[in-house]
């Protein structure tokens, strides 16, 4: 049975597909976290270092959640 996840993504519910999707999400999140950490946020108007740090922490939490499902 297919269902929508909280992020609005389609999930068929099969283990094989979920594992593949989780691995792809893990790689994507790792790349996003690396790019986020390498961004010089002082060059971005309206974004404080504290906000950028909070976003990075949320991304790391999301990656950890995905890795729990691997």
C-alpha atoms as a PDB file:
ATOM      1  CA  UNK A   1       0.000   0.000   0.000  1.00  0.00           C
ATOM      2  CA  UNK A   2       1.365   3.380  -1.021  1.00  0.00           C
ATOM      3  CA  UNK A   3       1.281   6.316   1.374  1.00  0.00           C
ATOM      4  CA  UNK A   4       2.576   9.857   1.738  1.00  0.00           C
ATOM      5  CA  UNK A   5       5.241  10.570   4.310  1.00  0.00           C
ATOM      6  CA  UNK A   6       5.222  13.680   6.476  1.00  0.00           C
ATOM      7  CA  UNK A   7       7.518  15.304   3.920  1.00  0.00           C
ATOM      8  CA  UNK A   8       4.968  14.593   1.191  1.00  0.00           C
ATOM      9  CA  UNK A   9       7.110  11.938  -0.466  1.00  0.00           C
ATOM     10  CA  UNK A  10       5.575   8.813  -1.918  1.00  0.00           C
ATOM     11  CA  UNK A  11       6.480   5.635  -0.045  1.00  0.00           C
ATOM     12  CA  UNK A  12       5.340   2.243  -1.295  1.00  0.00           C
ATOM     13  CA  UNK A  13       6.088   0.735   2.081  1.00  0.00           C
ATOM     14  CA  UNK A  14       8.342  -2.008   0.729  1.00  0.00           C
ATOM     15  CA  UNK A  15      11.501  -2.733   2.684  1.00  0.00           C
ATOM     16  CA  UNK A  16      13.778  -2.828  -0.381  1.00  0.00           C
ATOM     17  CA  UNK A  17      12.522   0.488  -1.670  1.00  0.00           C
ATOM     18  CA  UNK A  18      12.654   2.084   1.760  1.00  0.00           C
ATOM     19  CA  UNK A  19      16.260   0.982   2.270  1.00  0.00           C
ATOM     20  CA  UNK A  20      17.262   2.364  -1.129  1.00  0.00           C
ATOM     21  CA  UNK A  21      15.410   5.614  -0.504  1.00  0.00           C
ATOM     22  CA  UNK A  22      16.981   5.956   2.955  1.00  0.00           C
ATOM     23  CA  UNK A  23      20.474   5.386   1.549  1.00  0.00           C
ATOM     24  CA  UNK A  24      19.849   8.004  -1.152  1.00  0.00           C
ATOM     25  CA  UNK A  25      18.462  10.421   1.442  1.00  0.00           C
ATOM     26  CA  UNK A  26      21.492   9.808   3.678  1.00  0.00           C
ATOM     27  CA  UNK A  27      23.872  10.663   0.838  1.00  0.00           C
ATOM     28  CA  UNK A  28      21.849  13.729  -0.095  1.00  0.00           C
ATOM     29  CA  UNK A  29      21.714  14.962   3.479  1.00  0.00           C
ATOM     30  CA  UNK A  30      25.441  14.384   3.956  1.00  0.00           C
ATOM     31  CA  UNK A  31      26.169  16.463   0.853  1.00  0.00           C
ATOM     32  CA  UNK A  32      23.750  19.192   1.941  1.00  0.00           C
ATOM     33  CA  UNK A  33      25.276  19.313   5.436  1.00  0.00           C
ATOM     34  CA  UNK A  34      28.776  19.600   3.983  1.00  0.00           C
ATOM     35  CA  UNK A  35      27.728  22.444   1.668  1.00  0.00           C
ATOM     36  CA  UNK A  36      25.863  24.137   4.511  1.00  0.00           C
ATOM     37  CA  UNK A  37      28.888  23.937   6.811  1.00  0.00           C
ATOM     38  CA  UNK A  38      31.170  25.293   4.077  1.00  0.00           C
ATOM     39  CA  UNK A  39      28.962  28.314   3.388  1.00  0.00           C
ATOM     40  CA  UNK A  40      30.270  31.633   4.669  1.00  0.00           C
ATOM     41  CA  UNK A  41      27.029  32.798   6.261  1.00  0.00           C
ATOM     42  CA  UNK A  42      28.470  36.241   6.981  1.00  0.00           C
ATOM     43  CA  UNK A  43      28.131  36.850   3.214  1.00  0.00           C
ATOM     44  CA  UNK A  44      24.392  36.062   3.310  1.00  0.00           C
ATOM     45  CA  UNK A  45      22.272  39.082   4.260  1.00  0.00           C
ATOM     46  CA  UNK A  46      19.655  38.484   6.925  1.00  0.00           C
ATOM     47  CA  UNK A  47      21.025  35.144   8.136  1.00  0.00           C
ATOM     48  CA  UNK A  48      22.762  35.117  11.494  1.00  0.00           C
ATOM     49  CA  UNK A  49      25.414  32.626  12.526  1.00  0.00           C
ATOM     50  CA  UNK A  50      22.987  31.332  15.162  1.00  0.00           C
ATOM     51  CA  UNK A  51      20.289  30.669  12.538  1.00  0.00           C
ATOM     52  CA  UNK A  52      22.756  28.905  10.259  1.00  0.00           C
ATOM     53  CA  UNK A  53      23.970  26.815  13.206  1.00  0.00           C
ATOM     54  CA  UNK A  54      20.399  25.844  14.091  1.00  0.00           C
ATOM     55  CA  UNK A  55      19.748  24.794  10.482  1.00  0.00           C
ATOM     56  CA  UNK A  56      22.902  22.686  10.466  1.00  0.00           C
ATOM     57  CA  UNK A  57      21.817  21.005  13.702  1.00  0.00           C
ATOM     58  CA  UNK A  58      18.400  20.196  12.181  1.00  0.00           C
ATOM     59  CA  UNK A  59      20.034  18.750   9.074  1.00  0.00           C
ATOM     60  CA  UNK A  60      22.292  16.563  11.222  1.00  0.00           C
ATOM     61  CA  UNK A  61      19.257  15.372  13.214  1.00  0.00           C
ATOM     62  CA  UNK A  62      17.479  14.526   9.960  1.00  0.00           C
ATOM     63  CA  UNK A  63      20.512  12.570   8.727  1.00  0.00           C
ATOM     64  CA  UNK A  64      20.704  10.690  12.048  1.00  0.00           C
ATOM     65  CA  UNK A  65      17.010   9.821  11.763  1.00  0.00           C
ATOM     66  CA  UNK A  66      17.531   8.498   8.239  1.00  0.00           C
ATOM     67  CA  UNK A  67      20.555   6.471   9.347  1.00  0.00           C
ATOM     68  CA  UNK A  68      18.477   4.816  12.088  1.00  0.00           C
ATOM     69  CA  UNK A  69      16.330   3.385   9.299  1.00  0.00           C
ATOM     70  CA  UNK A  70      19.271   1.937   7.330  1.00  0.00           C
END
